Protein backbone atom coordinates (compact mmCIF):
# COMPACT_ATOMS: atom_id res chain seq x y z
CA MET A 1 9.26 -0.50 19.00
CA PRO A 2 12.23 1.37 17.49
CA ALA A 3 12.43 1.14 13.72
CA HIS A 4 14.98 -1.27 12.32
CA PRO A 5 17.38 0.31 9.78
CA TYR A 6 15.96 -1.96 7.09
CA SER A 7 12.30 -1.75 8.15
CA ARG A 8 11.34 0.01 4.89
CA ASP A 9 12.72 -2.83 2.79
CA LEU A 10 10.28 -5.32 1.28
CA HIS A 11 11.32 -8.66 -0.18
CA THR A 12 9.94 -11.49 -2.29
CA VAL A 13 9.58 -15.08 -1.08
CA GLU A 14 12.58 -16.15 -3.15
CA GLN A 15 14.71 -13.45 -1.54
CA LEU A 16 13.44 -14.36 1.93
CA HIS A 17 14.43 -18.02 1.56
CA ALA A 18 17.94 -16.93 0.57
CA MET A 19 18.11 -14.45 3.47
CA GLU A 20 17.10 -17.13 5.96
CA GLN A 21 19.91 -19.41 4.77
CA ALA A 22 22.36 -16.50 4.88
CA ALA A 23 21.22 -15.62 8.40
CA ARG A 24 21.78 -19.14 9.67
CA SER A 25 25.24 -19.19 8.14
CA ALA A 26 26.19 -15.72 9.43
CA LEU A 27 24.95 -16.49 12.94
CA GLY A 28 26.34 -20.04 12.97
CA ILE A 29 23.04 -21.46 14.25
CA SER A 30 20.71 -24.28 13.31
CA GLY A 31 17.28 -23.91 11.81
CA GLN A 32 15.88 -25.03 15.16
CA GLU A 33 17.58 -22.14 16.95
CA LEU A 34 16.28 -19.66 14.40
CA MET A 35 12.82 -21.13 14.92
CA ARG A 36 13.21 -20.70 18.68
CA ARG A 37 14.13 -17.05 18.16
CA ALA A 38 10.96 -16.58 16.10
CA ALA A 39 8.90 -18.19 18.86
CA SER A 40 10.49 -15.93 21.46
CA ALA A 41 9.72 -12.85 19.36
CA ALA A 42 6.13 -14.03 18.98
CA LEU A 43 5.75 -14.47 22.74
CA ASN A 44 7.14 -10.99 23.34
CA SER A 45 4.64 -9.55 20.87
CA LEU A 46 1.76 -11.47 22.44
CA ARG A 47 2.57 -10.28 25.95
CA ARG A 48 3.12 -6.71 24.81
CA HIS A 49 -0.23 -6.44 23.03
CA TRP A 50 -2.33 -8.63 25.33
CA PRO A 51 -0.65 -8.57 28.75
CA SER A 52 -3.74 -9.84 30.59
CA VAL A 53 -4.33 -12.90 28.39
CA ARG A 54 -3.78 -16.20 30.20
CA HIS A 55 -5.38 -18.81 27.91
CA ILE A 56 -4.39 -19.13 24.25
CA CYS A 57 -4.83 -21.54 21.35
CA ILE A 58 -2.01 -22.02 18.82
CA HIS A 59 -2.96 -23.41 15.40
CA CYS A 60 -0.08 -25.24 13.74
CA GLY A 61 0.39 -26.40 10.17
CA PRO A 62 2.79 -29.14 9.00
CA GLY A 63 5.70 -26.88 7.95
CA ASN A 64 8.11 -24.45 9.57
CA ASN A 65 5.40 -21.94 10.39
CA GLY A 66 3.80 -24.67 12.46
CA GLY A 67 7.21 -25.33 14.02
CA ASP A 68 7.30 -21.71 15.18
CA GLY A 69 3.90 -22.33 16.74
CA PHE A 70 4.96 -25.49 18.59
CA LEU A 71 7.98 -23.73 20.10
CA LEU A 72 5.82 -20.75 20.99
CA GLY A 73 3.65 -23.21 22.88
CA VAL A 74 6.69 -24.45 24.82
CA LEU A 75 7.76 -20.92 25.74
CA ALA A 76 4.25 -19.77 26.56
CA ARG A 77 3.71 -22.66 28.98
CA GLU A 78 7.06 -21.90 30.62
CA ALA A 79 5.84 -18.31 31.02
CA GLY A 80 2.76 -19.52 32.87
CA LEU A 81 0.16 -19.35 30.12
CA ARG A 82 -2.44 -22.03 29.56
CA VAL A 83 -1.93 -23.32 26.02
CA GLU A 84 -4.18 -25.33 23.73
CA LEU A 85 -2.55 -26.54 20.53
CA VAL A 86 -4.49 -27.53 17.42
CA ALA A 87 -2.61 -29.19 14.54
CA LEU A 88 -3.83 -29.58 10.98
CA THR A 89 -2.00 -32.87 10.47
CA SER A 90 -0.88 -35.86 12.53
CA SER A 91 2.77 -35.26 11.68
CA SER A 92 5.09 -32.37 10.84
CA ARG A 93 7.94 -31.94 8.34
CA GLY A 94 11.65 -31.27 8.85
CA GLU A 95 12.52 -28.78 11.58
CA ALA A 96 8.84 -28.54 12.48
CA ALA A 97 8.84 -32.23 13.47
CA VAL A 98 11.63 -31.52 15.98
CA ALA A 99 9.65 -28.57 17.35
CA ARG A 100 6.55 -30.76 17.66
CA GLU A 101 8.53 -33.33 19.63
CA ALA A 102 9.77 -30.57 21.93
CA TRP A 103 6.19 -29.52 22.64
CA GLN A 104 5.08 -33.07 23.37
CA ALA A 105 8.20 -33.85 25.44
CA ASN A 106 7.31 -30.84 27.58
CA GLY A 107 3.93 -32.41 28.38
CA GLY A 108 2.04 -30.66 25.61
CA ARG A 109 -1.06 -32.22 24.10
CA VAL A 110 -1.83 -31.95 20.38
CA LEU A 111 -5.47 -31.72 19.30
CA LEU A 112 -5.93 -32.82 15.68
CA TRP A 113 -8.25 -30.49 13.80
CA ASP A 114 -11.61 -31.94 12.91
CA ALA A 115 -13.29 -29.91 10.15
CA GLU A 116 -16.64 -30.67 11.78
CA GLY A 117 -15.42 -29.70 15.24
CA GLU A 118 -15.30 -26.48 17.21
CA LEU A 119 -12.41 -24.39 18.50
CA PRO A 120 -11.41 -24.42 22.18
CA GLU A 121 -12.78 -21.52 24.23
CA VAL A 122 -9.75 -19.28 24.73
CA GLU A 123 -8.82 -15.60 25.03
CA LEU A 124 -6.57 -15.40 21.96
CA HIS A 125 -5.75 -17.41 18.83
CA VAL A 126 -2.29 -17.72 17.28
CA ASP A 127 -2.07 -18.46 13.56
CA ALA A 128 0.90 -20.69 12.71
CA LEU A 129 -0.75 -22.66 9.92
CA TYR A 130 1.16 -21.63 6.80
CA GLY A 131 4.26 -19.60 6.18
CA ILE A 132 5.55 -17.54 3.30
CA GLY A 133 5.47 -20.33 0.71
CA LEU A 134 1.70 -20.72 0.31
CA ASN A 135 0.46 -19.31 -3.02
CA ARG A 136 -2.76 -21.31 -3.40
CA ALA A 137 -6.08 -21.51 -1.61
CA PRO A 138 -5.94 -23.54 1.62
CA ASP A 139 -7.57 -26.96 1.42
CA THR A 140 -11.05 -27.61 2.77
CA ALA A 141 -10.05 -28.56 6.32
CA ALA A 142 -7.67 -25.61 6.68
CA SER A 143 -10.25 -23.24 5.21
CA ARG A 144 -12.79 -24.40 7.79
CA LEU A 145 -10.27 -23.78 10.58
CA ILE A 146 -9.43 -20.33 9.24
CA GLU A 147 -13.12 -19.45 9.08
CA GLN A 148 -13.59 -20.58 12.69
CA ILE A 149 -10.63 -18.48 13.84
CA ASN A 150 -12.05 -15.42 12.06
CA LEU A 151 -15.51 -16.00 13.59
CA SER A 152 -14.23 -16.63 17.12
CA GLY A 153 -14.56 -13.02 18.24
CA GLN A 154 -11.16 -13.29 19.93
CA PRO A 155 -7.95 -11.43 18.94
CA VAL A 156 -5.56 -13.14 16.55
CA LEU A 157 -1.76 -13.03 16.38
CA ALA A 158 -0.32 -14.23 13.06
CA LEU A 159 3.22 -15.59 12.86
CA ASP A 160 5.17 -14.25 9.86
CA VAL A 161 2.12 -13.90 7.55
CA PRO A 162 -1.63 -14.44 8.00
CA SER A 163 -2.35 -17.91 6.63
CA GLY A 164 -4.02 -17.89 3.23
CA LEU A 165 -2.32 -14.67 2.12
CA ASP A 166 0.05 -14.78 -0.86
CA THR A 167 3.23 -13.26 0.56
CA ASP A 168 4.45 -11.96 -2.80
CA SER A 169 1.29 -10.33 -4.10
CA GLY A 170 -1.06 -9.62 -1.19
CA HIS A 171 -3.74 -11.66 -2.98
CA CYS A 172 -5.97 -14.10 -1.09
CA PRO A 173 -6.91 -16.98 -3.42
CA GLY A 174 -9.20 -18.51 -0.77
CA ALA A 175 -9.85 -18.31 2.96
CA ALA A 176 -7.34 -16.14 4.86
CA VAL A 177 -6.80 -15.34 8.52
CA ARG A 178 -7.71 -11.83 9.67
CA ALA A 179 -5.04 -10.95 12.21
CA ASP A 180 -5.01 -8.15 14.74
CA VAL A 181 -1.21 -8.25 14.84
CA THR A 182 1.23 -9.90 12.46
CA VAL A 183 4.75 -10.40 13.78
CA THR A 184 6.85 -10.99 10.68
CA PHE A 185 10.32 -12.47 10.87
CA ILE A 186 13.76 -11.43 9.57
CA ALA A 187 12.62 -8.98 6.84
CA GLY A 188 9.57 -7.19 5.47
CA LYS A 189 7.39 -9.03 2.94
CA ARG A 190 6.09 -6.97 0.05
CA GLY A 191 2.68 -8.65 -0.17
CA LEU A 192 1.73 -7.69 3.40
CA HIS A 193 1.30 -4.04 2.43
CA THR A 194 -1.04 -3.88 -0.56
CA GLY A 195 -4.32 -5.16 -1.95
CA ARG A 196 -6.38 -7.59 0.11
CA ALA A 197 -3.52 -7.92 2.60
CA VAL A 198 -4.34 -4.63 4.28
CA ASP A 199 -7.56 -6.19 5.64
CA GLN A 200 -5.75 -9.31 6.88
CA VAL A 201 -2.52 -8.23 8.58
CA GLY A 202 -3.65 -5.82 11.29
CA MET A 203 -0.63 -4.14 12.88
CA ILE A 204 2.65 -5.36 11.40
CA GLU A 205 5.72 -5.79 13.59
CA LEU A 206 9.15 -6.74 12.25
CA ALA A 207 11.23 -9.10 14.41
CA THR A 208 14.68 -9.42 12.86
CA LEU A 209 15.74 -12.30 15.15
CA GLY A 210 19.21 -10.85 15.61
CA VAL A 211 20.12 -11.21 11.94
CA PRO A 212 23.30 -9.20 11.20
CA ASP A 213 23.37 -6.19 8.87
CA SER A 214 25.47 -8.10 6.33
CA VAL A 215 22.46 -10.24 5.42
CA TYR A 216 20.39 -7.16 4.57
CA MET A 217 23.19 -5.42 2.72
CA ASP A 218 23.63 -8.47 0.50
CA ALA A 219 19.90 -8.62 -0.32
CA PRO A 220 18.68 -5.48 -2.13
CA PRO A 221 14.92 -5.16 -1.55
CA ASP A 222 12.38 -5.76 -4.29
CA ALA A 223 10.40 -2.73 -3.05
CA GLN A 224 10.33 -0.22 -0.20
CA LEU A 225 7.78 1.58 1.92
CA VAL A 226 7.26 5.25 1.04
CA LEU A 227 8.81 7.72 3.47
CA ALA A 228 6.78 10.35 5.31
CA GLU A 229 8.28 13.61 4.03
CA ALA A 230 7.36 17.26 3.54
CA LEU A 231 8.59 19.99 1.22
CA PRO A 232 11.55 22.11 2.39
CA PRO A 233 10.87 25.59 3.80
CA ARG A 234 10.65 28.38 1.25
CA ALA A 235 13.20 31.16 0.89
CA ARG A 236 11.97 34.49 2.29
CA TYR A 237 12.50 36.23 -1.07
CA ALA A 238 10.36 33.71 -2.97
CA ASN A 239 7.73 34.71 -5.51
CA LYS A 240 4.97 32.76 -7.20
CA GLY A 241 6.99 32.33 -10.36
CA ASP A 242 9.44 30.14 -8.44
CA TYR A 243 6.86 27.43 -7.83
CA GLY A 244 5.54 26.62 -11.24
CA HIS A 245 2.32 27.02 -13.17
CA VAL A 246 -0.05 24.03 -13.22
CA LEU A 247 -2.67 23.82 -15.93
CA VAL A 248 -5.61 21.55 -15.15
CA ILE A 249 -7.41 20.40 -18.30
CA GLY A 250 -10.82 18.86 -17.78
CA GLY A 251 -14.36 19.49 -16.67
CA GLU A 252 -16.66 18.29 -19.43
CA HIS A 253 -20.37 19.15 -19.12
CA GLY A 254 -21.48 18.35 -15.57
CA MET A 255 -17.97 17.55 -14.28
CA ALA A 256 -16.65 20.90 -13.12
CA GLY A 257 -16.07 19.50 -9.63
CA ALA A 258 -13.28 17.21 -10.81
CA ALA A 259 -11.35 20.11 -12.34
CA ARG A 260 -11.91 22.25 -9.28
CA LEU A 261 -10.63 19.56 -6.88
CA ALA A 262 -7.49 19.03 -8.95
CA GLY A 263 -6.88 22.78 -9.18
CA GLU A 264 -7.51 23.47 -5.52
CA SER A 265 -5.31 20.61 -4.33
CA ALA A 266 -2.52 21.93 -6.56
CA LEU A 267 -2.87 25.32 -4.85
CA ARG A 268 -2.89 23.76 -1.37
CA THR A 269 0.24 21.75 -2.23
CA GLY A 270 2.07 24.94 -3.11
CA ALA A 271 1.97 25.50 -6.87
CA GLY A 272 2.69 29.17 -7.58
CA LEU A 273 -0.06 29.50 -10.18
CA VAL A 274 -2.92 27.21 -11.19
CA SER A 275 -5.04 27.61 -14.30
CA VAL A 276 -8.05 25.55 -15.34
CA ALA A 277 -9.06 24.94 -18.95
CA THR A 278 -12.67 23.79 -18.95
CA ARG A 279 -16.08 24.18 -20.54
CA ALA A 280 -17.20 27.81 -20.73
CA GLU A 281 -20.34 27.06 -18.70
CA HIS A 282 -18.18 26.27 -15.63
CA VAL A 283 -16.08 29.45 -15.56
CA PHE A 284 -18.36 31.59 -13.41
CA ALA A 285 -19.00 28.90 -10.81
CA LEU A 286 -15.32 27.97 -10.48
CA ASN A 287 -14.17 31.58 -10.26
CA THR A 288 -16.78 32.27 -7.61
CA ALA A 289 -15.99 29.17 -5.55
CA ARG A 290 -12.20 29.53 -5.72
CA PRO A 291 -11.07 32.90 -7.10
CA GLU A 292 -7.39 31.93 -6.77
CA LEU A 293 -7.85 29.60 -9.73
CA MET A 294 -7.42 31.20 -13.15
CA VAL A 295 -10.29 29.61 -15.06
CA ARG A 296 -10.86 29.93 -18.77
CA GLY A 297 -13.42 28.39 -21.06
CA VAL A 298 -11.91 26.54 -24.00
CA ASP A 299 -13.81 25.18 -26.98
CA GLY A 300 -10.93 23.43 -28.68
CA PRO A 301 -7.19 23.28 -29.40
CA GLN A 302 -6.89 26.91 -30.58
CA THR A 303 -8.13 28.39 -27.31
CA LEU A 304 -6.11 25.85 -25.30
CA ALA A 305 -2.80 26.64 -27.05
CA PRO A 306 -2.00 29.95 -25.27
CA MET A 307 -2.71 28.35 -21.90
CA LEU A 308 -0.34 25.49 -22.72
CA GLU A 309 2.42 27.96 -23.57
CA ARG A 310 2.22 29.59 -20.13
CA ALA A 311 2.00 26.36 -18.13
CA SER A 312 4.99 24.46 -16.76
CA VAL A 313 3.09 21.27 -15.78
CA LEU A 314 -0.15 19.74 -17.07
CA ALA A 315 -2.79 17.89 -15.07
CA LEU A 316 -4.80 16.18 -17.77
CA GLY A 317 -7.93 14.14 -17.30
CA PRO A 318 -10.11 15.14 -14.31
CA GLY A 319 -13.64 15.22 -15.68
CA LEU A 320 -12.28 15.42 -19.24
CA GLY A 321 -14.70 12.98 -20.82
CA GLN A 322 -13.96 10.88 -23.88
CA GLY A 323 -15.99 12.80 -26.43
CA ALA A 324 -14.74 14.99 -29.28
CA TRP A 325 -14.00 17.98 -27.01
CA GLY A 326 -11.98 15.97 -24.49
CA HIS A 327 -10.15 14.00 -27.16
CA ALA A 328 -9.10 17.16 -29.01
CA LEU A 329 -7.76 18.76 -25.83
CA TRP A 330 -6.01 15.51 -24.89
CA LEU A 331 -4.16 15.30 -28.21
CA THR A 332 -3.18 18.97 -28.09
CA ALA A 333 -1.92 18.71 -24.52
CA LEU A 334 0.16 15.57 -25.16
CA ASP A 335 1.70 17.13 -28.26
CA ALA A 336 2.99 20.00 -26.09
CA ASN A 337 5.47 17.49 -24.51
CA LYS A 338 5.37 19.17 -21.12
CA PRO A 339 5.69 17.47 -17.71
CA LEU A 340 2.38 15.75 -17.21
CA VAL A 341 0.08 13.99 -14.75
CA LEU A 342 -2.45 11.83 -16.57
CA ASP A 343 -5.55 10.55 -14.80
CA ALA A 344 -9.19 9.51 -15.23
CA ASP A 345 -10.42 10.00 -18.81
CA GLY A 346 -6.90 10.98 -19.79
CA LEU A 347 -6.02 7.33 -19.11
CA ASN A 348 -9.10 5.99 -20.85
CA LEU A 349 -8.10 7.89 -23.98
CA LEU A 350 -4.60 6.42 -23.64
CA VAL A 351 -6.17 2.96 -23.88
CA ARG A 352 -7.51 3.90 -27.32
CA GLU A 353 -4.27 5.55 -28.46
CA PRO A 354 -1.27 4.11 -26.56
CA ARG A 355 2.01 5.98 -26.50
CA ARG A 356 5.34 6.19 -24.72
CA PHE A 357 6.18 9.50 -23.12
CA ILE A 358 9.26 11.63 -23.57
CA ALA A 359 8.60 14.41 -21.06
CA PRO A 360 8.40 13.51 -17.32
CA THR A 361 5.01 11.82 -16.97
CA ILE A 362 3.06 10.27 -14.11
CA LEU A 363 0.07 7.99 -14.72
CA THR A 364 -2.33 7.48 -11.80
CA PRO A 365 -4.70 4.60 -12.65
CA HIS A 366 -7.02 2.81 -10.29
CA PRO A 367 -7.13 -1.00 -10.83
CA GLY A 368 -9.94 -0.78 -13.41
CA GLU A 369 -8.05 1.79 -15.48
CA ALA A 370 -4.85 -0.24 -15.13
CA ALA A 371 -6.69 -3.31 -16.38
CA ARG A 372 -7.94 -1.48 -19.48
CA LEU A 373 -4.44 -0.16 -20.20
CA LEU A 374 -3.00 -3.67 -19.92
CA GLY A 375 -5.83 -5.39 -21.75
CA VAL A 376 -6.65 -7.71 -18.85
CA SER A 377 -9.34 -7.96 -16.18
CA THR A 378 -9.33 -6.02 -12.92
CA THR A 379 -9.07 -9.37 -11.13
CA VAL A 380 -5.78 -10.12 -12.90
CA VAL A 381 -4.39 -6.73 -11.87
CA GLU A 382 -5.38 -7.25 -8.24
CA GLN A 383 -3.84 -10.73 -8.19
CA ASP A 384 -0.40 -9.19 -8.79
CA ARG A 385 -0.40 -5.43 -8.35
CA PHE A 386 3.40 -5.32 -8.40
CA SER A 387 3.69 -6.81 -11.87
CA ALA A 388 0.85 -4.63 -13.18
CA ALA A 389 2.42 -1.40 -11.96
CA ARG A 390 5.85 -2.31 -13.30
CA GLU A 391 4.51 -3.36 -16.67
CA LEU A 392 2.56 -0.11 -17.09
CA ALA A 393 5.61 1.97 -16.19
CA LYS A 394 7.78 0.07 -18.67
CA ARG A 395 5.18 0.10 -21.43
CA HIS A 396 4.54 3.85 -21.29
CA ALA A 397 7.99 5.06 -20.15
CA ALA A 398 6.32 6.82 -17.24
CA VAL A 399 6.12 6.72 -13.47
CA VAL A 400 2.94 4.89 -12.48
CA VAL A 401 0.84 5.22 -9.33
CA LEU A 402 -1.41 2.16 -9.06
CA LYS A 403 -4.02 3.41 -6.63
CA GLY A 404 -5.93 1.39 -4.07
CA ALA A 405 -5.24 -0.11 -0.65
CA GLY A 406 -1.46 0.09 -0.41
CA SER A 407 -0.91 2.28 -3.47
CA LEU A 408 2.18 1.38 -5.52
CA VAL A 409 4.61 3.75 -7.26
CA ALA A 410 6.69 2.20 -10.05
CA ASP A 411 9.14 3.59 -12.59
CA PRO A 412 10.31 2.14 -15.94
CA SER A 413 13.49 0.71 -14.40
CA GLY A 414 11.44 -1.50 -12.06
CA ARG A 415 11.91 0.55 -8.91
CA LEU A 416 8.81 0.33 -6.72
CA ASP A 417 7.59 1.92 -3.48
CA VAL A 418 4.49 1.03 -1.44
CA CYS A 419 2.36 3.54 0.46
CA PRO A 420 1.50 2.32 3.98
CA TRP A 421 -1.12 5.02 4.68
CA GLY A 422 -4.70 5.60 3.60
CA ASN A 423 -8.07 4.31 4.75
CA PRO A 424 -11.36 3.02 3.26
CA GLY A 425 -13.02 6.39 3.80
CA MET A 426 -10.97 7.54 0.81
CA ALA A 427 -13.00 5.25 -1.45
CA SER A 428 -15.21 8.15 -2.53
CA GLY A 429 -15.60 10.42 -5.53
CA GLY A 430 -12.99 13.08 -6.18
CA MET A 431 -10.06 11.52 -4.29
CA GLY A 432 -8.23 10.71 -7.53
CA ASP A 433 -8.74 14.27 -8.83
CA LEU A 434 -7.21 15.53 -5.61
CA LEU A 435 -4.15 13.29 -6.06
CA THR A 436 -3.70 14.52 -9.64
CA GLY A 437 -3.46 18.13 -8.47
CA ILE A 438 -1.11 17.27 -5.62
CA VAL A 439 1.35 15.41 -7.85
CA ALA A 440 1.20 18.11 -10.54
CA ALA A 441 1.99 20.80 -7.95
CA LEU A 442 5.02 18.86 -6.75
CA LEU A 443 6.28 18.50 -10.32
CA ALA A 444 5.81 22.25 -10.76
CA GLN A 445 7.90 22.92 -7.66
CA GLY A 446 10.89 21.06 -9.04
CA CYS A 447 10.42 17.46 -7.94
CA SER A 448 11.38 14.71 -10.36
CA ALA A 449 8.54 12.50 -11.56
CA TRP A 450 9.55 9.81 -9.08
CA GLN A 451 9.80 12.26 -6.17
CA ALA A 452 6.50 13.92 -7.07
CA ALA A 453 4.68 10.58 -7.25
CA CYS A 454 6.06 9.20 -3.97
CA LEU A 455 5.65 12.43 -2.01
CA GLY A 456 2.26 13.09 -3.59
CA VAL A 457 0.92 9.65 -2.70
CA SER A 458 2.27 10.04 0.83
CA LEU A 459 0.74 13.49 1.38
CA HIS A 460 -2.59 12.42 -0.11
CA ALA A 461 -2.89 9.25 2.00
CA ARG A 462 -1.67 10.86 5.22
CA ALA A 463 -4.06 13.78 4.73
CA GLY A 464 -6.81 11.19 4.32
CA ASP A 465 -5.83 9.51 7.57
CA ARG A 466 -5.75 12.82 9.41
CA ALA A 467 -9.12 13.84 7.98
CA ALA A 468 -10.58 10.45 8.92
CA LEU A 469 -9.88 10.94 12.62
CA SER A 470 -13.50 12.10 12.85
CA GLY A 471 -14.67 8.92 11.09
CA GLU A 472 -14.04 7.22 7.76
CA ARG A 473 -17.60 6.92 6.50
CA GLY A 474 -18.75 10.17 4.85
CA LEU A 475 -15.21 11.45 4.22
CA LEU A 476 -15.14 13.96 1.34
CA ALA A 477 -12.22 14.69 -0.96
CA SER A 478 -12.36 18.36 0.05
CA ASP A 479 -11.93 17.33 3.72
CA LEU A 480 -8.30 16.55 2.87
CA LEU A 481 -7.39 20.07 1.78
CA ASP A 482 -6.63 21.56 5.20
CA PRO A 483 -4.57 18.62 6.49
CA LEU A 484 -2.86 18.46 3.10
CA ARG A 485 -1.59 22.01 3.54
CA ALA A 486 -0.37 21.24 7.07
CA LEU A 487 1.43 18.06 6.02
CA GLY A 488 3.07 19.73 3.04
CA ASN A 489 4.55 22.22 5.47
CA GLY A 490 5.75 19.54 7.86
CA VAL A 491 3.21 20.36 10.57
CA ALA A 492 3.03 17.40 12.95
CA GLY A 493 -0.28 15.67 13.49
CA SER A 494 -1.80 12.49 14.83
CA GLU A 495 -2.45 10.53 11.64
CA ARG A 496 -1.76 6.82 11.76
CA ALA A 497 1.90 5.85 11.70
CA HIS A 498 3.41 2.65 10.33
CA ASP A 499 6.18 0.44 11.67
């Protein structure tokens, strides 16, 4: 499907309700007609993805999402499909009641869901149980139905959002439908792209239902999807001094690998020079493994100072530790007030000694680190990743990358982008160190903190997807280095795209 001009835009539930009203007014149509358009878009998606399917079951809730399902049933029967329709309740509300009457007037039969019953034997299930307004766990009967749909072994098409998923946050407070395809209506929903949602939505398609551009222009998005970009070509007369000097500070006893991964990814992303300040015991091994890195043993602030003077960007934290050595280097590096990427133990030390940053700074916490920085539990962070990322950015006057499924990039003003790439194979040691080096290299090459974070997250995740083409399980951080170089140079590949 061709991309809609506003397909990057992601909205909150409150915004979506206002956009739906604006769309009806701009188009001069009733809610029933808008519902019929949604049903038509759903049928088109169903036939496109499963052209051979002839027998479907549509599961309808009491609200407008259920109304979409009833009208889909009408259209599907007209198209020659055999349709079973299961309803959660004996009656429907508002526009959905009209849609239910249309289904029954067309000869359709409604099967009331029995929590002790079984699903009809069909080739495909359609989820039209709950729409964008659900922000609680489904009740017992609905949860049982959702579990049966997930266990059916048949493909699932979700209308607008998979039922049980919080549209604003991506959190699932209870049972939630696992869809193979989600056809979402009018505009993108921010919660479909991060956290638990990435396991529930399958492929996302946007059906705008003919809504005019004026509706989108009057509704600035709450967030956007990150763009797939590369760095511009280099001038032929370039020299290494034009592309910055990254200093990686880390590698406590036994953690040389973290410093090496950060340094090597900075090189592969195009930093002109990369130095590593680490424990003296690691110097020989790092120089032997990657001679392009300029590695020096440092025993404290005095030996770190000359390296800080030469560096243009700092990557602070990979393998740093939280002992006396790491803490002394951390304080010395922060006092230099240079552009900075702070990760791993650099963030854990920030928990102990909070500060706001003056120089361009990017923090890259995973949810556990974010929770410690905010003084809450990891569960609280994952329940609303958007709020957590924005609060961290505001609190520390820094750009924040909240890592995880659907990584978020936030700045102190509240701007937020969502990364649509990445895969579970990247849940392995060293991936965060790699990201630290990538973002630091982009800062060194002249990107702003916001640009470096967004482009860095994009390159990192897309390199992970390209490296995972041979399989996700067993993926190593170092497997990303070759595709990272290709992507940074704009070399086309076959990594997973997003709509």
